[in-house]
């Protein structure tokens, strides 16, 4: 799969496998790891969020190397991939960091989780909020962002592009080693959990599924 389309293709396959609507999975991926590539707003597979700072890496290898360094340093609270799955709470479901970063493996896990959360409310927007956090203030903000992305997708690709390529969105710049990272202090709409606006927002993704 080409990098820029890897998350979208994974969402499509996971939707067929789990029964979660494709646009629901795609909206989650966009909320979690979306960035602009060639004028398009797309979910990015080589995304890692650690210590409240989200990074979009240029390659799978760079993202894995960064995650491994975090793990070797003793850190466990970091999020990976298209769907920003948290290692601390969900790493046990994967055989390795490599699998956890894999777009399809992440999409299948996210789909199964969303199905369980949807069963609680019979509402996909509510399920999306719970996917992000069981803390209502965090979930409420996330639901609003998710609902806007979903509405743009429902209106069609052209609307989604117009709605998610505003110049006010945080920029992405090259950094050492070829990695791409988000500017944590940038202004503009929140990038899901990638760029928390406060320490309180740094709670792990998928916190609702904590043991």
Protein backbone atom coordinates (compact mmCIF):
# COMPACT_ATOMS: atom_id res chain seq x y z
CA UNK A 1 0.00 0.00 0.00
CA UNK A 2 1.29 3.49 -0.81
CA UNK A 3 1.95 5.39 2.40
CA UNK A 4 -0.54 8.20 1.79
CA UNK A 5 -3.36 5.73 1.13
CA UNK A 6 -2.40 3.00 3.59
CA UNK A 7 -4.79 4.04 6.36
CA UNK A 8 -7.69 4.53 3.95
CA UNK A 9 -7.21 1.09 2.40
CA UNK A 10 -6.89 -0.46 5.86
CA UNK A 11 -10.09 1.27 7.00
CA UNK A 12 -11.91 -0.12 3.96
CA UNK A 13 -10.77 -3.68 4.63
CA UNK A 14 -11.44 -3.46 8.37
CA UNK A 15 -14.93 -2.10 7.73
CA UNK A 16 -15.74 -5.17 5.65
CA UNK A 17 -14.29 -7.47 8.33
CA UNK A 18 -15.84 -5.87 11.43
CA UNK A 19 -19.10 -4.38 10.19
CA UNK A 20 -18.15 -0.86 11.24
CA UNK A 21 -19.12 1.63 8.50
CA UNK A 22 -16.11 2.57 6.41
CA UNK A 23 -16.67 6.31 6.89
CA UNK A 24 -16.73 5.85 10.67
CA UNK A 25 -13.32 4.19 10.62
CA UNK A 26 -11.97 6.74 8.18
CA UNK A 27 -13.24 9.65 10.30
CA UNK A 28 -11.53 8.14 13.36
CA UNK A 29 -8.28 7.77 11.44
CA UNK A 30 -8.48 11.35 10.20
CA UNK A 31 -9.18 12.66 13.70
CA UNK A 32 -6.28 10.67 15.11
CA UNK A 33 -3.51 10.96 12.53
CA UNK A 34 -4.74 13.29 9.78
CA UNK A 35 -2.31 15.59 8.00
CA UNK A 36 -2.07 17.43 4.69
CA UNK A 37 -0.23 15.62 1.90
CA UNK A 38 -0.15 17.15 -1.55
CA UNK A 39 -3.15 19.33 -0.74
CA UNK A 40 -5.19 16.42 0.65
CA UNK A 41 -6.15 15.77 4.28
CA UNK A 42 -5.26 12.11 4.88
CA UNK A 43 -4.62 9.83 7.86
CA UNK A 44 -0.92 9.08 8.18
CA UNK A 45 0.24 5.54 9.13
CA UNK A 46 3.66 6.40 10.54
CA UNK A 47 2.36 8.58 13.37
CA UNK A 48 3.53 8.31 16.99
CA UNK A 49 2.36 10.45 19.90
CA UNK A 50 4.57 10.48 22.98
CA UNK A 51 4.70 12.82 25.98
CA UNK A 52 1.94 14.95 24.49
CA UNK A 53 3.77 15.56 21.21
CA UNK A 54 2.59 14.04 17.95
CA UNK A 55 5.02 13.15 15.19
CA UNK A 56 4.33 12.24 11.59
CA UNK A 57 7.33 10.23 10.36
CA UNK A 58 8.36 9.89 6.75
CA UNK A 59 8.66 6.10 6.93
CA UNK A 60 7.60 3.01 8.86
CA UNK A 61 11.22 2.42 9.89
CA UNK A 62 11.61 5.87 11.43
CA UNK A 63 8.36 5.56 13.35
CA UNK A 64 9.32 2.10 14.65
CA UNK A 65 12.79 3.26 15.65
CA UNK A 66 11.30 6.15 17.62
CA UNK A 67 8.76 3.89 19.36
CA UNK A 68 11.47 1.36 20.23
CA UNK A 69 13.62 4.08 21.75
CA UNK A 70 10.66 5.19 23.85
CA UNK A 71 10.08 1.63 25.03
CA UNK A 72 13.77 1.06 25.79
CA UNK A 73 13.78 4.24 27.88
CA UNK A 74 10.99 2.81 30.03
CA UNK A 75 8.14 4.81 28.50
CA UNK A 76 4.94 2.89 27.85
CA UNK A 77 2.35 5.62 27.37
CA UNK A 78 2.58 6.35 23.64
CA UNK A 79 0.17 6.00 20.72
CA UNK A 80 0.90 4.49 17.32
CA UNK A 81 -0.40 4.29 13.80
CA UNK A 82 -3.39 5.39 11.77
CA UNK A 83 -5.73 4.95 14.74
CA UNK A 84 -3.29 6.05 17.48
CA UNK A 85 -3.64 2.93 19.60
CA UNK A 86 -2.07 3.31 23.04
CA UNK A 87 0.75 0.89 23.87
CA UNK A 88 0.26 1.05 27.63
CA UNK A 89 -3.35 -0.09 27.51
CA UNK A 90 -3.49 -2.09 24.30
CA UNK A 91 0.02 -3.26 23.50
CA UNK A 92 -0.84 -6.71 24.87
CA UNK A 93 -3.19 -7.24 21.92
CA UNK A 94 -0.30 -7.15 19.43
CA UNK A 95 2.68 -9.46 19.04
CA UNK A 96 5.11 -6.59 18.42
CA UNK A 97 5.46 -2.87 17.83
CA UNK A 98 5.74 -3.69 14.15
CA UNK A 99 2.29 -5.28 14.17
CA UNK A 100 0.87 -2.45 16.25
CA UNK A 101 2.03 0.08 13.66
CA UNK A 102 0.70 -1.99 10.75
CA UNK A 103 -2.25 -0.11 9.20
CA UNK A 104 -4.48 -3.16 8.76
CA UNK A 105 -3.75 -4.63 12.21
CA UNK A 106 -4.53 -1.27 13.79
CA UNK A 107 -7.69 -0.82 11.72
CA UNK A 108 -8.99 -4.26 12.67
CA UNK A 109 -8.34 -3.62 16.35
CA UNK A 110 -9.97 -0.19 16.19
CA UNK A 111 -12.96 -1.67 14.37
CA UNK A 112 -13.51 -4.37 16.97
CA UNK A 113 -13.21 -1.82 19.76
CA UNK A 114 -15.64 0.57 18.08
CA UNK A 115 -18.17 -2.25 17.67
CA UNK A 116 -18.06 -2.89 21.42
CA UNK A 117 -18.38 0.79 22.23
CA UNK A 118 -21.23 1.23 19.74
CA UNK A 119 -23.14 -1.53 21.53
CA UNK A 120 -23.26 0.68 24.63
CA UNK A 121 -25.13 3.56 22.99
CA UNK A 122 -26.17 2.50 19.49
CA UNK A 123 -24.57 5.76 18.34
CA UNK A 124 -21.34 6.03 16.35
CA UNK A 125 -20.52 9.57 17.48
CA UNK A 126 -20.84 8.50 21.12
CA UNK A 127 -18.71 5.45 20.37
CA UNK A 128 -16.05 7.70 18.86
CA UNK A 129 -15.99 9.85 21.98
CA UNK A 130 -15.56 6.77 24.17
CA UNK A 131 -12.82 5.51 21.83
CA UNK A 132 -10.88 8.65 22.65
CA UNK A 133 -11.68 8.99 26.35
CA UNK A 134 -14.12 8.07 29.11
CA UNK A 135 -13.52 11.52 30.60
CA UNK A 136 -16.55 13.46 29.41
CA UNK A 137 -14.82 16.80 28.83
CA UNK A 138 -12.24 15.15 26.56
CA UNK A 139 -14.85 12.96 24.87
CA UNK A 140 -17.10 15.95 24.19
CA UNK A 141 -14.39 17.85 22.34
CA UNK A 142 -13.46 14.76 20.38
CA UNK A 143 -17.09 14.03 19.45
CA UNK A 144 -17.41 17.53 17.98
CA UNK A 145 -14.28 17.11 15.90
CA UNK A 146 -15.23 13.59 14.80
CA UNK A 147 -18.76 14.68 13.86
CA UNK A 148 -17.41 17.52 11.69
CA UNK A 149 -14.99 15.21 9.88
CA UNK A 150 -17.75 12.64 9.39
CA UNK A 151 -20.12 15.30 8.02
CA UNK A 152 -17.45 16.40 5.55
CA UNK A 153 -16.98 12.79 4.44
CA UNK A 154 -20.72 12.33 4.05
CA UNK A 155 -20.84 15.43 1.84
CA UNK A 156 -18.19 13.92 -0.43
CA UNK A 157 -14.44 14.15 -0.99
CA UNK A 158 -14.54 17.73 -2.26
CA UNK A 159 -16.26 18.93 0.91
CA UNK A 160 -13.85 16.98 3.09
CA UNK A 161 -10.90 18.58 1.32
CA UNK A 162 -12.34 22.08 1.75
CA UNK A 163 -13.12 21.48 5.40
CA UNK A 164 -9.76 20.07 6.41
CA UNK A 165 -7.16 22.05 4.49
CA UNK A 166 -7.60 25.42 6.16
CA UNK A 167 -4.30 27.37 6.42
CA UNK A 168 -4.91 27.80 10.16
CA UNK A 169 -4.24 24.11 10.73
CA UNK A 170 -0.90 23.35 12.42
CA UNK A 171 1.97 23.13 9.98
CA UNK A 172 4.26 20.14 9.55
CA UNK A 173 7.98 20.64 9.12
CA UNK A 174 10.94 18.33 8.48
CA UNK A 175 13.10 17.51 11.49
CA UNK A 176 16.33 15.65 12.09
CA UNK A 177 16.55 12.17 10.63
CA UNK A 178 13.92 12.92 8.02
CA UNK A 179 11.06 12.58 10.48
CA UNK A 180 8.01 14.82 10.27
CA UNK A 181 6.55 16.26 13.42
CA UNK A 182 3.64 18.40 14.47
CA UNK A 183 4.26 21.75 16.08
CA UNK A 184 2.89 21.20 19.57
CA UNK A 185 2.32 24.88 20.14
CA UNK A 186 0.67 25.62 16.82
CA UNK A 187 -2.62 27.44 16.71
CA UNK A 188 -5.74 26.21 15.00
CA UNK A 189 -8.10 23.28 15.54
CA UNK A 190 -6.94 20.38 17.69
CA UNK A 191 -5.40 17.40 15.93
CA UNK A 192 -7.31 14.83 17.93
CA UNK A 193 -4.92 13.42 20.52
CA UNK A 194 -1.79 14.15 18.54
CA UNK A 195 -1.26 17.65 19.84
CA UNK A 196 -2.87 18.04 23.30
CA UNK A 197 -3.62 21.59 24.33
CA UNK A 198 -3.06 20.95 28.05
CA UNK A 199 -1.62 18.38 30.42
CA UNK A 200 -5.16 17.24 31.20
CA UNK A 201 -5.63 16.30 27.57
CA UNK A 202 -2.66 13.95 27.67
CA UNK A 203 -4.68 11.04 29.03
CA UNK A 204 -4.04 7.90 26.98
CA UNK A 205 -6.06 7.29 23.87
CA UNK A 206 -8.78 4.67 24.25
CA UNK A 207 -8.77 5.41 27.96
CA UNK A 208 -12.24 3.93 28.19
CA UNK A 209 -10.75 0.48 27.72
CA UNK A 210 -8.21 0.75 30.52
CA UNK A 211 -8.18 -2.22 32.90
